[in-house]
Amino acid sequence: MLTLEKLAERVAELEDREALRELKHRYLMAADRHDLEGVRDCFAPDGAVIEFEGFPRCEGRDNLVAMMADQGGKPGFFT
């Protein structure tokens, strides 16, 4: 039997999944458009740890955005 508590848990899980989908969409759209401020807004100030194949590890959203600004448009760098 589905209790009110279980239903609330299921709804919360669905809301969390949708929030992640929306965040991923915002990030990918910003990256594709080379909207670096949009990319920055997708990460917590100290929460980003990014590893791209062939590039050094980036820690922190400001370092990620700086790397993308530096590498954007260069051969081999695709968002």
PDB file of N, CA and C in Angstrom:
ATOM      1  N   MET A   1       0.833  -1.175   0.000  1.00  0.00           N
ATOM      2  CA  MET A   1       0.000   0.000   0.000  1.00  0.00           C
ATOM      3  C   MET A   1       0.881   1.243   0.000  1.00  0.00           C
ATOM      4  N   LEU A   2       0.488   2.211  -0.772  1.00  0.00           N
ATOM      5  CA  LEU A   2       1.244   3.454  -0.886  1.00  0.00           C
ATOM      6  C   LEU A   2       0.805   4.416   0.209  1.00  0.00           C
ATOM      7  N   THR A   3       1.726   4.698   1.114  1.00  0.00           N
ATOM      8  CA  THR A   3       1.413   5.621   2.202  1.00  0.00           C
ATOM      9  C   THR A   3       1.699   7.046   1.745  1.00  0.00           C
ATOM     10  N   LEU A   4       1.214   7.989   2.490  1.00  0.00           N
ATOM     11  CA  LEU A   4       1.454   9.398   2.181  1.00  0.00           C
ATOM     12  C   LEU A   4       2.945   9.715   2.237  1.00  0.00           C
ATOM     13  N   GLU A   5       3.643   9.106   3.188  1.00  0.00           N
ATOM     14  CA  GLU A   5       5.090   9.319   3.296  1.00  0.00           C
ATOM     15  C   GLU A   5       5.821   8.774   2.073  1.00  0.00           C
ATOM     16  N   LYS A   6       5.455   7.585   1.629  1.00  0.00           N
ATOM     17  CA  LYS A   6       6.089   6.990   0.444  1.00  0.00           C
ATOM     18  C   LYS A   6       5.787   7.826  -0.792  1.00  0.00           C
ATOM     19  N   LEU A   7       4.571   8.304  -0.906  1.00  0.00           N
ATOM     20  CA  LEU A   7       4.200   9.153  -2.036  1.00  0.00           C
ATOM     21  C   LEU A   7       5.023  10.436  -2.020  1.00  0.00           C
ATOM     22  N   ALA A   8       5.193  11.033  -0.859  1.00  0.00           N
ATOM     23  CA  ALA A   8       5.997  12.248  -0.737  1.00  0.00           C
ATOM     24  C   ALA A   8       7.450  11.978  -1.143  1.00  0.00           C
ATOM     25  N   GLU A   9       7.986  10.831  -0.753  1.00  0.00           N
ATOM     26  CA  GLU A   9       9.352  10.454  -1.138  1.00  0.00           C
ATOM     27  C   GLU A   9       9.464  10.313  -2.649  1.00  0.00           C
ATOM     28  N   ARG A  10       8.488   9.663  -3.268  1.00  0.00           N
ATOM     29  CA  ARG A  10       8.515   9.474  -4.721  1.00  0.00           C
ATOM     30  C   ARG A  10       8.415  10.798  -5.463  1.00  0.00           C
ATOM     31  N   VAL A  11       7.569  11.689  -4.987  1.00  0.00           N
ATOM     32  CA  VAL A  11       7.439  13.009  -5.602  1.00  0.00           C
ATOM     33  C   VAL A  11       8.744  13.787  -5.463  1.00  0.00           C
ATOM     34  N   ALA A  12       9.354  13.746  -4.282  1.00  0.00           N
ATOM     35  CA  ALA A  12      10.621  14.446  -4.056  1.00  0.00           C
ATOM     36  C   ALA A  12      11.707  13.897  -4.991  1.00  0.00           C
ATOM     37  N   GLU A  13      11.743  12.584  -5.168  1.00  0.00           N
ATOM     38  CA  GLU A  13      12.730  11.986  -6.073  1.00  0.00           C
ATOM     39  C   GLU A  13      12.507  12.460  -7.504  1.00  0.00           C
ATOM     40  N   LEU A  14      11.265  12.497  -7.939  1.00  0.00           N
ATOM     41  CA  LEU A  14      10.955  12.977  -9.288  1.00  0.00           C
ATOM     42  C   LEU A  14      11.328  14.453  -9.459  1.00  0.00           C
ATOM     43  N   GLU A  15      11.076  15.242  -8.444  1.00  0.00           N
ATOM     44  CA  GLU A  15      11.446  16.655  -8.501  1.00  0.00           C
ATOM     45  C   GLU A  15      12.961  16.821  -8.566  1.00  0.00           C
ATOM     46  N   ASP A  16      13.692  16.014  -7.811  1.00  0.00           N
ATOM     47  CA  ASP A  16      15.155  16.062  -7.847  1.00  0.00           C
ATOM     48  C   ASP A  16      15.672  15.673  -9.229  1.00  0.00           C
ATOM     49  N   ARG A  17      15.111  14.633  -9.807  1.00  0.00           N
ATOM     50  CA  ARG A  17      15.530  14.202 -11.146  1.00  0.00           C
ATOM     51  C   ARG A  17      15.267  15.295 -12.176  1.00  0.00           C
ATOM     52  N   GLU A  18      14.114  15.931 -12.085  1.00  0.00           N
ATOM     53  CA  GLU A  18      13.787  16.997 -13.037  1.00  0.00           C
ATOM     54  C   GLU A  18      14.728  18.186 -12.860  1.00  0.00           C
ATOM     55  N   ALA A  19      15.062  18.520 -11.623  1.00  0.00           N
ATOM     56  CA  ALA A  19      15.994  19.623 -11.372  1.00  0.00           C
ATOM     57  C   ALA A  19      17.360  19.319 -11.989  1.00  0.00           C
ATOM     58  N   LEU A  20      17.810  18.070 -11.897  1.00  0.00           N
ATOM     59  CA  LEU A  20      19.084  17.680 -12.514  1.00  0.00           C
ATOM     60  C   LEU A  20      19.007  17.754 -14.031  1.00  0.00           C
ATOM     61  N   ARG A  21      17.903  17.335 -14.604  1.00  0.00           N
ATOM     62  CA  ARG A  21      17.732  17.424 -16.064  1.00  0.00           C
ATOM     63  C   ARG A  21      17.787  18.881 -16.522  1.00  0.00           C
ATOM     64  N   GLU A  22      17.108  19.746 -15.784  1.00  0.00           N
ATOM     65  CA  GLU A  22      17.091  21.165 -16.138  1.00  0.00           C
ATOM     66  C   GLU A  22      18.475  21.793 -16.009  1.00  0.00           C
ATOM     67  N   LEU A  23      19.210  21.429 -14.955  1.00  0.00           N
ATOM     68  CA  LEU A  23      20.566  21.938 -14.779  1.00  0.00           C
ATOM     69  C   LEU A  23      21.468  21.464 -15.912  1.00  0.00           C
ATOM     70  N   LYS A  24      21.376  20.187 -16.254  1.00  0.00           N
ATOM     71  CA  LYS A  24      22.186  19.649 -17.346  1.00  0.00           C
ATOM     72  C   LYS A  24      21.853  20.356 -18.650  1.00  0.00           C
ATOM     73  N   HIS A  25      20.598  20.603 -18.896  1.00  0.00           N
ATOM     74  CA  HIS A  25      20.178  21.302 -20.111  1.00  0.00           C
ATOM     75  C   HIS A  25      20.754  22.720 -20.136  1.00  0.00           C
ATOM     76  N   ARG A  26      20.644  23.437 -19.024  1.00  0.00           N
ATOM     77  CA  ARG A  26      21.187  24.806 -18.963  1.00  0.00           C
ATOM     78  C   ARG A  26      22.684  24.804 -19.220  1.00  0.00           C
ATOM     79  N   TYR A  27      23.401  23.840 -18.607  1.00  0.00           N
ATOM     80  CA  TYR A  27      24.850  23.752 -18.793  1.00  0.00           C
ATOM     81  C   TYR A  27      25.197  23.477 -20.252  1.00  0.00           C
ATOM     82  N   LEU A  28      24.560  22.469 -20.833  1.00  0.00           N
ATOM     83  CA  LEU A  28      24.885  22.107 -22.217  1.00  0.00           C
ATOM     84  C   LEU A  28      24.552  23.231 -23.192  1.00  0.00           C
ATOM     85  N   MET A  29      23.424  23.906 -22.983  1.00  0.00           N
ATOM     86  CA  MET A  29      23.068  25.019 -23.859  1.00  0.00           C
ATOM     87  C   MET A  29      24.081  26.160 -23.708  1.00  0.00           C
ATOM     88  N   ALA A  30      24.468  26.470 -22.486  1.00  0.00           N
ATOM     89  CA  ALA A  30      25.445  27.538 -22.262  1.00  0.00           C
ATOM     90  C   ALA A  30      26.795  27.170 -22.876  1.00  0.00           C
ATOM     91  N   ALA A  31      27.214  25.926 -22.701  1.00  0.00           N
ATOM     92  CA  ALA A  31      28.494  25.491 -23.268  1.00  0.00           C
ATOM     93  C   ALA A  31      28.453  25.544 -24.792  1.00  0.00           C
ATOM     94  N   ASP A  32      27.379  25.071 -25.395  1.00  0.00           N
ATOM     95  CA  ASP A  32      27.258  25.097 -26.854  1.00  0.00           C
ATOM     96  C   ASP A  32      27.264  26.514 -27.406  1.00  0.00           C
ATOM     97  N   ARG A  33      26.714  27.437 -26.646  1.00  0.00           N
ATOM     98  CA  ARG A  33      26.651  28.841 -27.090  1.00  0.00           C
ATOM     99  C   ARG A  33      27.877  29.644 -26.665  1.00  0.00           C
ATOM    100  N   HIS A  34      28.794  28.985 -25.998  1.00  0.00           N
ATOM    101  CA  HIS A  34      29.985  29.644 -25.452  1.00  0.00           C
ATOM    102  C   HIS A  34      29.582  30.805 -24.543  1.00  0.00           C
ATOM    103  N   ASP A  35      28.513  30.601 -23.799  1.00  0.00           N
ATOM    104  CA  ASP A  35      28.018  31.564 -22.812  1.00  0.00           C
ATOM    105  C   ASP A  35      28.690  31.233 -21.489  1.00  0.00           C
ATOM    106  N   LEU A  36      29.845  31.833 -21.265  1.00  0.00           N
ATOM    107  CA  LEU A  36      30.647  31.471 -20.104  1.00  0.00           C
ATOM    108  C   LEU A  36      29.992  31.872 -18.790  1.00  0.00           C
ATOM    109  N   GLU A  37      29.253  32.962 -18.763  1.00  0.00           N
ATOM    110  CA  GLU A  37      28.540  33.326 -17.535  1.00  0.00           C
ATOM    111  C   GLU A  37      27.430  32.317 -17.249  1.00  0.00           C
ATOM    112  N   GLY A  38      26.791  31.812 -18.296  1.00  0.00           N
ATOM    113  CA  GLY A  38      25.784  30.773 -18.120  1.00  0.00           C
ATOM    114  C   GLY A  38      26.391  29.489 -17.583  1.00  0.00           C
ATOM    115  N   VAL A  39      27.575  29.134 -18.091  1.00  0.00           N
ATOM    116  CA  VAL A  39      28.295  27.965 -17.566  1.00  0.00           C
ATOM    117  C   VAL A  39      28.624  28.184 -16.098  1.00  0.00           C
ATOM    118  N   ARG A  40      29.161  29.361 -15.778  1.00  0.00           N
ATOM    119  CA  ARG A  40      29.531  29.684 -14.393  1.00  0.00           C
ATOM    120  C   ARG A  40      28.331  29.517 -13.460  1.00  0.00           C
ATOM    121  N   ASP A  41      27.166  29.946 -13.905  1.00  0.00           N
ATOM    122  CA  ASP A  41      25.966  29.885 -13.068  1.00  0.00           C
ATOM    123  C   ASP A  41      25.478  28.463 -12.801  1.00  0.00           C
ATOM    124  N   CYS A  42      25.986  27.489 -13.529  1.00  0.00           N
ATOM    125  CA  CYS A  42      25.564  26.099 -13.338  1.00  0.00           C
ATOM    126  C   CYS A  42      26.334  25.397 -12.213  1.00  0.00           C
ATOM    127  N   PHE A  43      27.344  26.050 -11.665  1.00  0.00           N
ATOM    128  CA  PHE A  43      28.194  25.423 -10.654  1.00  0.00           C
ATOM    129  C   PHE A  43      28.213  26.240  -9.372  1.00  0.00           C
ATOM    130  N   ALA A  44      28.370  25.545  -8.258  1.00  0.00           N
ATOM    131  CA  ALA A  44      28.599  26.215  -6.973  1.00  0.00           C
ATOM    132  C   ALA A  44      29.999  26.823  -7.008  1.00  0.00           C
ATOM    133  N   PRO A  45      30.234  27.909  -6.275  1.00  0.00           N
ATOM    134  CA  PRO A  45      31.530  28.583  -6.331  1.00  0.00           C
ATOM    135  C   PRO A  45      32.731  27.661  -6.111  1.00  0.00           C
ATOM    136  N   ASP A  46      32.630  26.735  -5.181  1.00  0.00           N
ATOM    137  CA  ASP A  46      33.771  25.865  -4.893  1.00  0.00           C
ATOM    138  C   ASP A  46      33.461  24.401  -5.175  1.00  0.00           C
ATOM    139  N   GLY A  47      32.379  24.149  -5.897  1.00  0.00           N
ATOM    140  CA  GLY A  47      31.938  22.775  -6.065  1.00  0.00           C
ATOM    141  C   GLY A  47      32.328  22.106  -7.363  1.00  0.00           C
ATOM    142  N   ALA A  48      32.886  22.832  -8.300  1.00  0.00           N
ATOM    143  CA  ALA A  48      33.187  22.236  -9.599  1.00  0.00           C
ATOM    144  C   ALA A  48      34.552  21.554  -9.589  1.00  0.00           C
ATOM    145  N   VAL A  49      34.571  20.312  -9.996  1.00  0.00           N
ATOM    146  CA  VAL A  49      35.809  19.591 -10.263  1.00  0.00           C
ATOM    147  C   VAL A  49      35.590  18.946 -11.621  1.00  0.00           C
ATOM    148  N   ILE A  50      36.353  19.415 -12.598  1.00  0.00           N
ATOM    149  CA  ILE A  50      36.131  19.001 -13.979  1.00  0.00           C
ATOM    150  C   ILE A  50      37.407  18.391 -14.540  1.00  0.00           C
ATOM    151  N   GLU A  51      37.242  17.258 -15.218  1.00  0.00           N
ATOM    152  CA  GLU A  51      38.368  16.631 -15.902  1.00  0.00           C
ATOM    153  C   GLU A  51      37.952  16.350 -17.340  1.00  0.00           C
ATOM    154  N   PHE A  52      38.590  17.047 -18.266  1.00  0.00           N
ATOM    155  CA  PHE A  52      38.376  16.814 -19.686  1.00  0.00           C
ATOM    156  C   PHE A  52      39.571  16.040 -20.217  1.00  0.00           C
ATOM    157  N   GLU A  53      39.318  15.080 -21.061  1.00  0.00           N
ATOM    158  CA  GLU A  53      40.408  14.305 -21.641  1.00  0.00           C
ATOM    159  C   GLU A  53      41.337  15.237 -22.410  1.00  0.00           C
ATOM    160  N   GLY A  54      42.619  15.162 -22.099  1.00  0.00           N
ATOM    161  CA  GLY A  54      43.615  15.975 -22.788  1.00  0.00           C
ATOM    162  C   GLY A  54      43.829  17.353 -22.187  1.00  0.00           C
ATOM    163  N   PHE A  55      43.124  17.675 -21.121  1.00  0.00           N
ATOM    164  CA  PHE A  55      43.268  18.974 -20.478  1.00  0.00           C
ATOM    165  C   PHE A  55      43.532  18.764 -18.989  1.00  0.00           C
ATOM    166  N   PRO A  56      44.182  19.736 -18.358  1.00  0.00           N
ATOM    167  CA  PRO A  56      44.429  19.581 -16.925  1.00  0.00           C
ATOM    168  C   PRO A  56      43.132  19.639 -16.127  1.00  0.00           C
ATOM    169  N   ARG A  57      43.147  19.018 -14.987  1.00  0.00           N
ATOM    170  CA  ARG A  57      42.004  19.017 -14.071  1.00  0.00           C
ATOM    171  C   ARG A  57      41.725  20.451 -13.618  1.00  0.00           C
ATOM    172  N   CYS A  58      40.464  20.824 -13.571  1.00  0.00           N
ATOM    173  CA  CYS A  58      40.050  22.155 -13.099  1.00  0.00           C
ATOM    174  C   CYS A  58      39.268  21.998 -11.809  1.00  0.00           C
ATOM    175  N   GLU A  59      39.612  22.799 -10.830  1.00  0.00           N
ATOM    176  CA  GLU A  59      38.859  22.802  -9.574  1.00  0.00           C
ATOM    177  C   GLU A  59      38.319  24.202  -9.354  1.00  0.00           C
ATOM    178  N   GLY A  60      37.014  24.307  -9.170  1.00  0.00           N
ATOM    179  CA  GLY A  60      36.359  25.585  -8.961  1.00  0.00           C
ATOM    180  C   GLY A  60      35.792  26.134 -10.259  1.00  0.00           C
ATOM    181  N   ARG A  61      34.630  26.735 -10.157  1.00  0.00           N
ATOM    182  CA  ARG A  61      33.960  27.192 -11.378  1.00  0.00           C
ATOM    183  C   ARG A  61      34.728  28.301 -12.081  1.00  0.00           C
ATOM    184  N   ASP A  62      35.416  29.168 -11.340  1.00  0.00           N
ATOM    185  CA  ASP A  62      36.163  30.232 -12.004  1.00  0.00           C
ATOM    186  C   ASP A  62      37.300  29.668 -12.846  1.00  0.00           C
ATOM    187  N   ASN A  63      37.958  28.629 -12.353  1.00  0.00           N
ATOM    188  CA  ASN A  63      39.021  27.984 -13.128  1.00  0.00           C
ATOM    189  C   ASN A  63      38.458  27.284 -14.356  1.00  0.00           C
ATOM    190  N   LEU A  64      37.287  26.662 -14.216  1.00  0.00           N
ATOM    191  CA  LEU A  64      36.642  26.023 -15.364  1.00  0.00           C
ATOM    192  C   LEU A  64      36.323  27.055 -16.437  1.00  0.00           C
ATOM    193  N   VAL A  65      35.716  28.151 -16.040  1.00  0.00           N
ATOM    194  CA  VAL A  65      35.341  29.180 -17.003  1.00  0.00           C
ATOM    195  C   VAL A  65      36.583  29.791 -17.644  1.00  0.00           C
ATOM    196  N   ALA A  66      37.626  30.015 -16.867  1.00  0.00           N
ATOM    197  CA  ALA A  66      38.872  30.556 -17.417  1.00  0.00           C
ATOM    198  C   ALA A  66      39.469  29.597 -18.442  1.00  0.00           C
ATOM    199  N   MET A  67      39.459  28.295 -18.141  1.00  0.00           N
ATOM    200  CA  MET A  67      39.984  27.312 -19.083  1.00  0.00           C
ATOM    201  C   MET A  67      39.149  27.298 -20.359  1.00  0.00           C
ATOM    202  N   MET A  68      37.825  27.356 -20.217  1.00  0.00           N
ATOM    203  CA  MET A  68      36.963  27.357 -21.400  1.00  0.00           C
ATOM    204  C   MET A  68      37.186  28.618 -22.232  1.00  0.00           C
ATOM    205  N   ALA A  69      37.379  29.752 -21.574  1.00  0.00           N
ATOM    206  CA  ALA A  69      37.629  31.004 -22.294  1.00  0.00           C
ATOM    207  C   ALA A  69      38.961  30.928 -23.030  1.00  0.00           C
ATOM    208  N   ASP A  70      39.961  30.332 -22.391  1.00  0.00           N
ATOM    209  CA  ASP A  70      41.284  30.221 -22.993  1.00  0.00           C
ATOM    210  C   ASP A  70      41.297  29.234 -24.157  1.00  0.00           C
ATOM    211  N   GLN A  71      40.595  28.128 -24.010  1.00  0.00           N
ATOM    212  CA  GLN A  71      40.639  27.053 -25.009  1.00  0.00           C
ATOM    213  C   GLN A  71      39.565  27.173 -26.087  1.00  0.00           C
ATOM    214  N   GLY A  72      38.498  27.901 -25.795  1.00  0.00           N
ATOM    215  CA  GLY A  72      37.375  27.987 -26.726  1.00  0.00           C
ATOM    216  C   GLY A  72      37.811  28.392 -28.124  1.00  0.00           C
ATOM    217  N   GLY A  73      37.348  27.650 -29.089  1.00  0.00           N
ATOM    218  CA  GLY A  73      37.669  27.949 -30.474  1.00  0.00           C
ATOM    219  C   GLY A  73      38.977  27.350 -30.960  1.00  0.00           C
ATOM    220  N   LYS A  74      39.768  26.791 -30.067  1.00  0.00           N
ATOM    221  CA  LYS A  74      41.021  26.181 -30.491  1.00  0.00           C
ATOM    222  C   LYS A  74      40.754  24.783 -31.026  1.00  0.00           C
ATOM    223  N   PRO A  75      41.574  24.309 -31.971  1.00  0.00           N
ATOM    224  CA  PRO A  75      41.388  22.959 -32.504  1.00  0.00           C
ATOM    225  C   PRO A  75      41.408  21.921 -31.394  1.00  0.00           C
ATOM    226  N   GLY A  76      40.482  20.994 -31.438  1.00  0.00           N
ATOM    227  CA  GLY A  76      40.424  19.911 -30.477  1.00  0.00           C
ATOM    228  C   GLY A  76      39.601  20.220 -29.252  1.00  0.00           C
ATOM    229  N   PHE A  77      39.118  21.456 -29.095  1.00  0.00           N
ATOM    230  CA  PHE A  77      38.293  21.791 -27.931  1.00  0.00           C
ATOM    231  C   PHE A  77      36.868  21.964 -28.389  1.00  0.00           C
ATOM    232  N   PHE A  78      36.041  21.040 -27.966  1.00  0.00           N
ATOM    233  CA  PHE A  78      34.627  21.079 -28.311  1.00  0.00           C
ATOM    234  C   PHE A  78      33.815  21.087 -27.026  1.00  0.00           C
ATOM    235  N   THR A  79      32.732  21.823 -27.014  1.00  0.00           N
ATOM    236  CA  THR A  79      31.876  21.844 -25.834  1.00  0.00           C
ATOM    237  C   THR A  79      30.683  20.960 -26.058  1.00  0.00           C
TER     238      THR A  79
END
